[in-house]
């Protein structure tokens, strides 16, 4: 009896070590689902060397040899990279089905919504709305799993990260470490670099900024108490519950505040009652996966993050998220209002675009149409798109949506003039609806906070 031949699956991940690490996490956590595939991963040599000590057991198909990949035929290929090199490689790959960006006849093809969203990260989003593992999992088409509950452990080791002076001065860190040692003499105090990544990490408490090494030990079983200066969404955070993410809202942390949080973490107590620090937990209450949940007074960006969560979840999953609207400070409502002013200007400009698109569609249906008339309307669209690009470059809270639809509008596969006009009409209509929805989300947040708009 002949055994069924495994289908060949290629993943191109040639970005830095952080992106490679998260890609491997997705594969490792879903290896049973992917058992029908012979998995090959094309990676960057520098990123591979950074992670080499902990990835050998995961998968044998990792390679840096692009020539070997290009000479192999695959059933399906996925491009999970941002860089131009990977884009060129994916274009040349021999695969029956391609997911993720590639070129075809000098045109950028991005066939799926999640890959389109992923490309918007290149524009420098102000926070990471989705965890990279959720992004990659959705691109690969792997269903989400519920978080595994993290059992409370009696910590034996506390590992401190490397603090920059804007978070905590060297003198203050020394005072903090001395205080921890005085009150908890049985607790071993280590530098993050001293932690063995392949040891039992379940009784390690990490305290410090987000970084790749802290991410690696927390994914390996340690618990994180993350200290950052500003809200960054899910960037460099472990995927799972039990970790605490804090922000000093642009100020340096005070020794007594950090010590109080460490004490509560050591004793498995909530950290909610610290007014000097914004405190967040990582939850799993949305269809797409992880969500950063505010537990007390949040950063200025957080209410807009919530609006992004709701809108992206609908655009990418057609799923309506029901999130509690946060109580906003004056600075938060001012930030929302400032972005809403720009958003309303975008919508007014977009009305002109929709008018031009409708005229193009009407002309395309007319068999005796004039090419000159269509060219004039296309010129109007080009000018409006140029204005949108300038606005996107200076408004990071709105840019992800504008970049998303810039890519979507380029996916016009119409063969005839009418088909192209219909595709353009749909793309611009979807963009207009999305921007309108974002405006409504901003309005709801302001109204719930009793702000006149």
Protein backbone atom coordinates (compact mmCIF):
# COMPACT_ATOMS: atom_id res chain seq x y z
CA UNK A 1 0.00 0.00 0.00
CA UNK A 2 1.36 3.42 -0.98
CA UNK A 3 1.54 6.13 1.65
CA UNK A 4 -0.04 9.50 0.86
CA UNK A 5 2.62 11.93 -0.20
CA UNK A 6 2.88 15.02 2.00
CA UNK A 7 2.04 18.31 0.32
CA UNK A 8 4.94 20.75 0.14
CA UNK A 9 4.42 24.02 1.97
CA UNK A 10 6.83 26.95 1.77
CA UNK A 11 6.99 29.84 4.24
CA UNK A 12 9.22 32.77 3.34
CA UNK A 13 10.30 34.62 6.48
CA UNK A 14 13.42 36.69 5.82
CA UNK A 15 12.75 39.53 8.25
CA UNK A 16 14.67 39.97 11.51
CA UNK A 17 14.82 37.54 14.45
CA UNK A 18 11.64 38.85 16.13
CA UNK A 19 9.50 38.01 13.08
CA UNK A 20 11.23 34.66 12.62
CA UNK A 21 10.72 33.78 16.30
CA UNK A 22 6.99 34.50 16.12
CA UNK A 23 6.66 32.54 12.87
CA UNK A 24 8.30 29.51 14.48
CA UNK A 25 6.05 29.88 17.52
CA UNK A 26 2.97 29.61 15.30
CA UNK A 27 4.34 26.50 13.59
CA UNK A 28 5.38 24.87 16.85
CA UNK A 29 2.02 25.53 18.51
CA UNK A 30 0.08 24.26 15.49
CA UNK A 31 2.35 21.46 14.30
CA UNK A 32 -0.47 18.88 14.67
CA UNK A 33 -2.69 20.87 12.31
CA UNK A 34 0.15 21.19 9.77
CA UNK A 35 1.10 17.49 9.92
CA UNK A 36 -0.17 16.91 6.37
CA UNK A 37 2.52 19.22 4.99
CA UNK A 38 6.22 18.94 4.38
CA UNK A 39 7.20 22.36 5.70
CA UNK A 40 10.06 24.40 4.27
CA UNK A 41 11.00 27.82 5.72
CA UNK A 42 13.30 30.24 3.93
CA UNK A 43 14.91 32.51 6.52
CA UNK A 44 17.50 35.24 6.91
CA UNK A 45 20.92 33.94 7.96
CA UNK A 46 21.46 36.60 10.64
CA UNK A 47 18.02 36.02 12.17
CA UNK A 48 18.62 32.27 12.16
CA UNK A 49 21.96 32.62 13.96
CA UNK A 50 20.29 34.74 16.66
CA UNK A 51 17.76 32.01 17.43
CA UNK A 52 19.77 28.92 16.49
CA UNK A 53 20.17 27.53 20.01
CA UNK A 54 16.44 27.14 20.60
CA UNK A 55 14.89 26.29 17.20
CA UNK A 56 16.68 23.11 16.14
CA UNK A 57 14.08 20.75 17.65
CA UNK A 58 11.14 22.54 16.03
CA UNK A 59 11.48 21.85 12.32
CA UNK A 60 14.04 20.38 9.97
CA UNK A 61 12.98 22.34 6.90
CA UNK A 62 14.63 25.65 7.81
CA UNK A 63 17.05 26.92 5.18
CA UNK A 64 18.83 30.08 4.06
CA UNK A 65 19.40 28.64 0.56
CA UNK A 66 17.09 30.61 -1.74
CA UNK A 67 18.49 28.91 -4.85
CA UNK A 68 17.41 25.54 -3.49
CA UNK A 69 13.94 26.91 -2.78
CA UNK A 70 13.60 28.37 -6.27
CA UNK A 71 14.46 24.98 -7.80
CA UNK A 72 11.75 23.18 -5.79
CA UNK A 73 8.05 22.94 -6.66
CA UNK A 74 5.52 23.59 -3.89
CA UNK A 75 1.81 23.04 -3.47
CA UNK A 76 1.42 26.32 -1.62
CA UNK A 77 3.70 29.19 -0.61
CA UNK A 78 3.30 31.94 1.98
CA UNK A 79 5.26 35.19 2.06
CA UNK A 80 5.40 36.40 5.67
CA UNK A 81 8.12 38.98 5.04
CA UNK A 82 8.09 42.73 4.51
CA UNK A 83 11.33 43.11 2.57
CA UNK A 84 11.94 43.55 -1.15
CA UNK A 85 14.22 40.51 -1.33
CA UNK A 86 11.42 38.19 -0.18
CA UNK A 87 8.97 39.83 -2.56
CA UNK A 88 11.27 39.05 -5.49
CA UNK A 89 11.79 35.50 -4.21
CA UNK A 90 8.06 34.84 -3.86
CA UNK A 91 7.53 36.12 -7.39
CA UNK A 92 9.96 33.48 -8.70
CA UNK A 93 8.81 30.59 -6.48
CA UNK A 94 7.15 27.68 -8.28
CA UNK A 95 3.93 27.12 -6.34
CA UNK A 96 0.44 26.05 -7.37
CA UNK A 97 -1.04 28.54 -4.90
CA UNK A 98 0.54 31.70 -3.49
CA UNK A 99 -0.53 33.61 -0.38
CA UNK A 100 1.11 36.89 0.52
CA UNK A 101 2.65 39.54 -1.74
CA UNK A 102 4.36 38.82 -5.07
CA UNK A 103 4.65 40.46 -8.47
CA UNK A 104 2.81 39.39 -11.60
CA UNK A 105 3.45 41.29 -14.83
CA UNK A 106 5.02 44.14 -12.81
CA UNK A 107 1.89 44.45 -10.66
CA UNK A 108 1.89 43.86 -6.89
CA UNK A 109 -0.47 41.00 -6.06
CA UNK A 110 -1.71 40.62 -2.49
CA UNK A 111 -4.53 38.07 -2.73
CA UNK A 112 -5.67 37.97 0.90
CA UNK A 113 -6.83 40.53 3.45
CA UNK A 114 -4.52 39.52 6.31
CA UNK A 115 -1.41 39.83 4.14
CA UNK A 116 -2.68 43.24 3.05
CA UNK A 117 -3.05 44.29 6.68
CA UNK A 118 0.41 42.91 7.48
CA UNK A 119 1.96 45.15 4.81
CA UNK A 120 0.49 48.22 6.51
CA UNK A 121 2.92 47.65 9.41
CA UNK A 122 5.70 48.92 7.14
CA UNK A 123 4.19 52.40 7.46
CA UNK A 124 5.14 52.60 11.14
CA UNK A 125 1.86 52.04 12.97
CA UNK A 126 1.75 53.73 16.42
CA UNK A 127 0.96 50.40 18.09
CA UNK A 128 0.66 46.74 17.11
CA UNK A 129 -3.09 46.08 17.04
CA UNK A 130 -2.71 42.35 16.40
CA UNK A 131 -0.16 39.98 17.87
CA UNK A 132 2.25 38.75 15.21
CA UNK A 133 1.28 35.18 16.01
CA UNK A 134 -2.34 36.00 15.24
CA UNK A 135 -1.38 37.76 12.01
CA UNK A 136 0.71 34.83 10.82
CA UNK A 137 -1.86 32.28 11.99
CA UNK A 138 -4.61 34.01 10.03
CA UNK A 139 -2.46 34.29 6.89
CA UNK A 140 -1.69 30.56 7.16
CA UNK A 141 -5.38 29.81 7.69
CA UNK A 142 -4.88 28.14 11.09
CA UNK A 143 -7.78 28.38 13.53
CA UNK A 144 -7.11 29.98 16.89
CA UNK A 145 -6.90 28.07 20.13
CA UNK A 146 -8.03 29.31 23.51
CA UNK A 147 -5.25 30.48 25.83
CA UNK A 148 -3.94 27.85 28.18
CA UNK A 149 -4.38 29.11 31.72
CA UNK A 150 -1.07 29.97 33.39
CA UNK A 151 -0.86 28.34 36.83
CA UNK A 152 0.48 30.60 39.61
CA UNK A 153 4.05 29.67 40.56
CA UNK A 154 6.14 30.48 43.60
CA UNK A 155 8.92 32.44 41.95
CA UNK A 156 12.50 31.49 42.73
CA UNK A 157 14.29 33.83 40.29
CA UNK A 158 13.69 37.45 39.34
CA UNK A 159 15.43 38.49 36.12
CA UNK A 160 15.92 42.19 35.45
CA UNK A 161 16.12 43.53 31.93
CA UNK A 162 18.33 46.33 30.64
CA UNK A 163 16.76 49.70 31.47
CA UNK A 164 17.39 52.84 29.48
CA UNK A 165 17.63 56.05 31.48
CA UNK A 166 14.21 57.35 30.35
CA UNK A 167 12.61 54.33 32.09
CA UNK A 168 14.79 54.17 35.21
CA UNK A 169 18.25 55.48 36.06
CA UNK A 170 21.06 53.11 36.94
CA UNK A 171 21.11 54.43 40.52
CA UNK A 172 17.36 53.87 40.93
CA UNK A 173 17.64 50.36 39.50
CA UNK A 174 20.41 49.58 42.00
CA UNK A 175 18.19 50.84 44.86
CA UNK A 176 15.33 48.68 43.53
CA UNK A 177 17.46 45.53 43.36
CA UNK A 178 18.81 46.12 46.90
CA UNK A 179 15.27 46.57 48.19
CA UNK A 180 14.06 43.35 46.52
CA UNK A 181 17.03 41.46 47.98
CA UNK A 182 16.41 42.88 51.47
CA UNK A 183 12.73 41.96 51.53
CA UNK A 184 13.06 38.65 49.64
CA UNK A 185 16.49 37.22 50.54
CA UNK A 186 15.64 33.73 49.26
CA UNK A 187 14.85 35.07 45.79
CA UNK A 188 17.69 34.71 43.28
CA UNK A 189 18.34 37.97 41.39
CA UNK A 190 19.69 37.61 37.88
CA UNK A 191 20.40 39.68 34.80
CA UNK A 192 18.27 38.70 31.81
CA UNK A 193 21.41 37.60 29.94
CA UNK A 194 22.11 35.01 32.67
CA UNK A 195 18.86 33.08 32.11
CA UNK A 196 19.25 29.72 30.38
CA UNK A 197 16.64 29.63 27.60
CA UNK A 198 16.38 25.84 27.59
CA UNK A 199 15.95 25.42 31.39
CA UNK A 200 12.69 25.26 33.39
CA UNK A 201 11.53 28.89 33.33
CA UNK A 202 8.19 28.50 35.10
CA UNK A 203 9.48 30.05 38.35
CA UNK A 204 11.19 33.02 36.73
CA UNK A 205 9.69 36.51 36.99
CA UNK A 206 11.02 38.90 34.36
CA UNK A 207 10.97 42.64 35.19
CA UNK A 208 12.00 45.13 32.52
CA UNK A 209 11.38 46.54 29.05
CA UNK A 210 10.10 44.58 26.06
CA UNK A 211 12.85 42.94 24.01
CA UNK A 212 13.42 39.75 22.05
CA UNK A 213 15.20 37.89 24.87
CA UNK A 214 12.48 38.70 27.39
CA UNK A 215 9.91 37.52 24.85
CA UNK A 216 11.81 34.26 24.42
CA UNK A 217 11.96 33.43 28.14
CA UNK A 218 8.30 34.33 28.67
CA UNK A 219 7.22 32.15 25.74
CA UNK A 220 9.40 29.48 27.37
CA UNK A 221 7.42 29.60 30.62
CA UNK A 222 8.55 32.67 32.57
CA UNK A 223 6.13 35.38 33.72
CA UNK A 224 6.60 38.95 32.54
CA UNK A 225 6.17 42.27 34.33
CA UNK A 226 6.86 44.59 31.41
CA UNK A 227 7.82 48.23 31.94
CA UNK A 228 7.50 50.60 28.97
CA UNK A 229 7.26 54.36 28.59
CA UNK A 230 4.35 54.40 26.11
CA UNK A 231 1.55 52.12 24.94
CA UNK A 232 2.81 49.92 22.07
CA UNK A 233 -0.03 47.45 21.68
CA UNK A 234 1.11 43.82 21.36
CA UNK A 235 4.61 44.60 20.15
CA UNK A 236 7.23 42.18 21.59
CA UNK A 237 4.77 40.80 24.16
CA UNK A 238 4.36 37.07 24.87
CA UNK A 239 1.25 35.37 23.53
CA UNK A 240 -0.77 34.28 26.52
CA UNK A 241 -2.25 35.25 29.90
CA UNK A 242 -0.54 35.78 33.23
CA UNK A 243 1.79 38.56 32.06
CA UNK A 244 1.43 42.22 33.02
CA UNK A 245 2.23 45.10 30.70
CA UNK A 246 2.69 48.59 32.16
CA UNK A 247 3.38 52.06 30.86
CA UNK A 248 4.77 55.09 32.70
CA UNK A 249 2.99 57.41 30.25
CA UNK A 250 6.22 59.09 29.20
CA UNK A 251 7.77 59.48 32.62
CA UNK A 252 10.55 57.60 34.41
CA UNK A 253 9.41 54.84 36.78
CA UNK A 254 9.75 55.51 40.49
CA UNK A 255 11.53 52.86 42.56
CA UNK A 256 8.69 52.54 45.06
CA UNK A 257 6.12 52.04 42.27
CA UNK A 258 8.08 49.24 40.61
CA UNK A 259 8.82 47.57 43.95
CA UNK A 260 5.10 47.66 44.83
CA UNK A 261 4.27 46.00 41.50
CA UNK A 262 6.96 43.35 42.00
CA UNK A 263 5.60 42.58 45.47
CA UNK A 264 2.08 42.15 44.14
CA UNK A 265 3.32 39.99 41.28
CA UNK A 266 5.33 37.79 43.66
CA UNK A 267 2.22 37.36 45.80
CA UNK A 268 -0.12 36.87 42.80
CA UNK A 269 -2.13 39.97 43.61
CA UNK A 270 -3.69 42.39 41.09
CA UNK A 271 -1.80 45.58 40.22
CA UNK A 272 -4.82 47.73 39.34
CA UNK A 273 -4.57 50.40 42.03
CA UNK A 274 -1.42 52.24 40.94
CA UNK A 275 -2.48 55.66 39.56
CA UNK A 276 1.08 56.56 38.47
CA UNK A 277 1.30 53.70 35.99
CA UNK A 278 -1.00 52.40 33.26
CA UNK A 279 -1.52 48.66 33.71
CA UNK A 280 -2.67 46.17 31.07
CA UNK A 281 -3.37 42.47 30.83
CA UNK A 282 -3.37 40.29 27.72
CA UNK A 283 -6.80 38.82 27.09
CA UNK A 284 -8.27 36.52 24.44
CA UNK A 285 -11.81 37.80 24.10
CA UNK A 286 -11.81 38.47 20.37
CA UNK A 287 -12.22 36.13 17.43
CA UNK A 288 -8.84 37.03 15.98
CA UNK A 289 -6.90 36.33 19.19
CA UNK A 290 -5.03 38.40 21.75
CA UNK A 291 -6.19 41.78 23.00
CA UNK A 292 -4.55 44.28 25.35
CA UNK A 293 -7.03 45.05 28.13
CA UNK A 294 -6.67 48.20 30.19
CA UNK A 295 -6.95 47.59 33.94
CA UNK A 296 -6.77 51.19 35.17
CA UNK A 297 -6.12 54.68 33.74
CA UNK A 298 -4.74 54.08 30.23
CA UNK A 299 -2.33 55.85 27.86
CA UNK A 300 -3.47 58.52 25.41
CA UNK A 301 -3.37 56.06 22.49
CA UNK A 302 -5.48 53.37 24.13
CA UNK A 303 -9.01 54.57 23.16
CA UNK A 304 -7.88 54.81 19.53
CA UNK A 305 -6.35 51.34 19.85
CA UNK A 306 -9.80 50.09 20.88
CA UNK A 307 -11.34 51.68 17.78
CA UNK A 308 -8.69 49.99 15.63
CA UNK A 309 -9.44 46.62 17.28
CA UNK A 310 -13.16 46.89 16.52
CA UNK A 311 -12.79 48.11 12.94
CA UNK A 312 -9.95 45.77 11.89
CA UNK A 313 -11.74 42.81 13.42
CA UNK A 314 -14.74 43.58 11.22
CA UNK A 315 -12.75 44.34 8.07
CA UNK A 316 -10.61 41.21 8.30
CA UNK A 317 -12.98 38.75 9.98
CA UNK A 318 -16.48 40.19 9.47
CA UNK A 319 -16.82 39.85 13.22
CA UNK A 320 -18.31 42.48 15.52
CA UNK A 321 -16.31 43.07 18.72
CA UNK A 322 -18.07 44.32 21.81
CA UNK A 323 -15.53 46.17 23.95
CA UNK A 324 -16.23 48.34 26.98
CA UNK A 325 -15.52 51.95 26.07
CA UNK A 326 -12.75 53.25 28.29
CA UNK A 327 -13.19 56.28 30.52
CA UNK A 328 -11.12 58.94 28.75
CA UNK A 329 -8.93 61.67 30.16
CA UNK A 330 -8.91 65.16 28.63
CA UNK A 331 -5.71 64.42 26.71
CA UNK A 332 -7.27 61.23 25.30
CA UNK A 333 -10.41 62.97 24.09
CA UNK A 334 -8.32 65.79 22.62
CA UNK A 335 -6.29 63.23 20.64
CA UNK A 336 -9.46 61.58 19.35
CA UNK A 337 -10.95 64.94 18.36
CA UNK A 338 -7.76 65.99 16.55
CA UNK A 339 -7.76 62.79 14.52
CA UNK A 340 -11.48 63.05 13.87
CA UNK A 341 -11.06 66.54 12.39
CA UNK A 342 -8.57 65.14 9.86
CA UNK A 343 -10.77 62.10 9.26
CA UNK A 344 -13.78 64.27 8.40
CA UNK A 345 -11.64 66.22 5.91
CA UNK A 346 -10.59 62.89 4.37
CA UNK A 347 -14.22 61.88 4.02
CA UNK A 348 -15.11 65.16 2.30
CA UNK A 349 -12.24 64.68 -0.15
CA UNK A 350 -13.30 61.06 -0.59
CA UNK A 351 -16.75 62.24 -1.69
CA UNK A 352 -15.06 63.81 -4.72
CA UNK A 353 -13.28 60.53 -5.38
CA UNK A 354 -16.56 58.61 -5.24
CA UNK A 355 -18.10 61.08 -7.68
CA UNK A 356 -15.22 60.52 -10.11
CA UNK A 357 -15.46 56.74 -9.69
CA UNK A 358 -19.21 56.79 -10.40
CA UNK A 359 -18.63 58.85 -13.55
CA UNK A 360 -15.94 56.40 -14.72
CA UNK A 361 -18.34 53.51 -14.10
CA UNK A 362 -21.11 55.29 -16.00
CA UNK A 363 -18.81 56.08 -18.93
CA UNK A 364 -17.53 52.48 -19.02
CA UNK A 365 -21.08 51.16 -19.46
CA UNK A 366 -21.63 53.53 -22.40
CA UNK A 367 -20.47 51.84 -25.61
CA UNK A 368 -19.86 55.22 -27.25
CA UNK A 369 -17.84 56.52 -24.33
CA UNK A 370 -15.14 59.13 -24.76
CA UNK A 371 -11.60 58.16 -23.67
CA UNK A 372 -10.93 61.82 -22.94
CA UNK A 373 -13.75 61.96 -20.39
CA UNK A 374 -12.52 58.85 -18.60
CA UNK A 375 -8.94 60.15 -18.53
CA UNK A 376 -10.12 63.36 -16.86
CA UNK A 377 -11.86 61.42 -14.08
CA UNK A 378 -8.85 59.11 -13.64
CA UNK A 379 -6.67 62.20 -13.25
CA UNK A 380 -8.98 63.42 -10.48
CA UNK A 381 -8.62 60.09 -8.69
CA UNK A 382 -4.82 60.20 -9.02
CA UNK A 383 -4.71 63.69 -7.51
CA UNK A 384 -6.97 62.65 -4.61
CA UNK A 385 -4.89 59.53 -3.93
CA UNK A 386 -1.80 61.74 -3.81
CA UNK A 387 -3.47 63.96 -1.18
CA UNK A 388 -4.34 60.84 0.83
CA UNK A 389 -0.70 59.73 0.77
CA UNK A 390 0.45 63.08 2.15
CA UNK A 391 -2.15 62.96 4.92
CA UNK A 392 -1.24 59.34 5.75
CA UNK A 393 2.43 60.25 6.10
CA UNK A 394 1.68 62.75 8.88
CA UNK A 395 -1.17 60.99 10.72
CA UNK A 396 -0.05 57.63 12.07
CA UNK A 397 -3.42 56.81 13.70
CA UNK A 398 -5.18 56.95 10.32
CA UNK A 399 -2.39 55.70 8.10
CA UNK A 400 -2.94 51.91 8.48
CA UNK A 401 -6.42 52.17 6.94
CA UNK A 402 -5.28 54.44 4.11
CA UNK A 403 -2.35 52.14 3.32
CA UNK A 404 -4.64 49.10 3.46
CA UNK A 405 -6.97 50.51 0.82
CA UNK A 406 -4.13 51.82 -1.29
CA UNK A 407 -3.04 48.19 -1.67
CA UNK A 408 -6.61 46.95 -2.13
CA UNK A 409 -7.25 49.49 -4.91
CA UNK A 410 -4.21 48.11 -6.74
CA UNK A 411 -5.75 44.61 -6.87
CA UNK A 412 -7.85 45.39 -9.95
CA UNK A 413 -8.07 42.22 -12.06
CA UNK A 414 -10.67 43.49 -14.53
CA UNK A 415 -10.04 42.48 -18.14
CA UNK A 416 -12.41 44.94 -19.78
CA UNK A 417 -12.87 48.65 -19.10
CA UNK A 418 -16.24 47.94 -17.46
CA UNK A 419 -14.78 45.22 -15.20
CA UNK A 420 -11.96 47.54 -14.15
CA UNK A 421 -14.44 50.34 -13.44
CA UNK A 422 -16.59 48.00 -11.34
CA UNK A 423 -13.56 46.81 -9.34
CA UNK A 424 -12.47 50.41 -8.75
CA UNK A 425 -15.97 51.37 -7.63
CA UNK A 426 -16.07 48.52 -5.09
CA UNK A 427 -12.61 49.33 -3.67
CA UNK A 428 -13.34 53.04 -3.21
CA UNK A 429 -16.77 52.28 -1.75
CA UNK A 430 -15.24 49.92 0.82
CA UNK A 431 -12.65 52.55 1.75
CA UNK A 432 -15.35 55.18 2.20
CA UNK A 433 -17.43 52.86 4.38
CA UNK A 434 -14.41 52.01 6.54
CA UNK A 435 -13.42 55.63 7.11
CA UNK A 436 -17.05 56.44 7.93
CA UNK A 437 -17.09 53.57 10.44
CA UNK A 438 -13.90 54.86 12.09
CA UNK A 439 -15.47 58.32 12.36
CA UNK A 440 -18.51 56.75 14.03
CA UNK A 441 -16.32 54.81 16.48
CA UNK A 442 -14.55 58.03 17.45
CA UNK A 443 -17.93 59.75 17.91
CA UNK A 444 -19.29 56.95 20.11
CA UNK A 445 -16.22 57.12 22.37
CA UNK A 446 -16.53 60.89 22.70
CA UNK A 447 -20.27 60.78 23.38
CA UNK A 448 -19.88 58.09 26.03
CA UNK A 449 -17.38 60.39 27.70
CA UNK A 450 -19.85 63.28 27.44
CA UNK A 451 -17.75 65.29 25.03
CA UNK A 452 -19.50 67.67 22.67
CA UNK A 453 -18.66 66.99 19.01
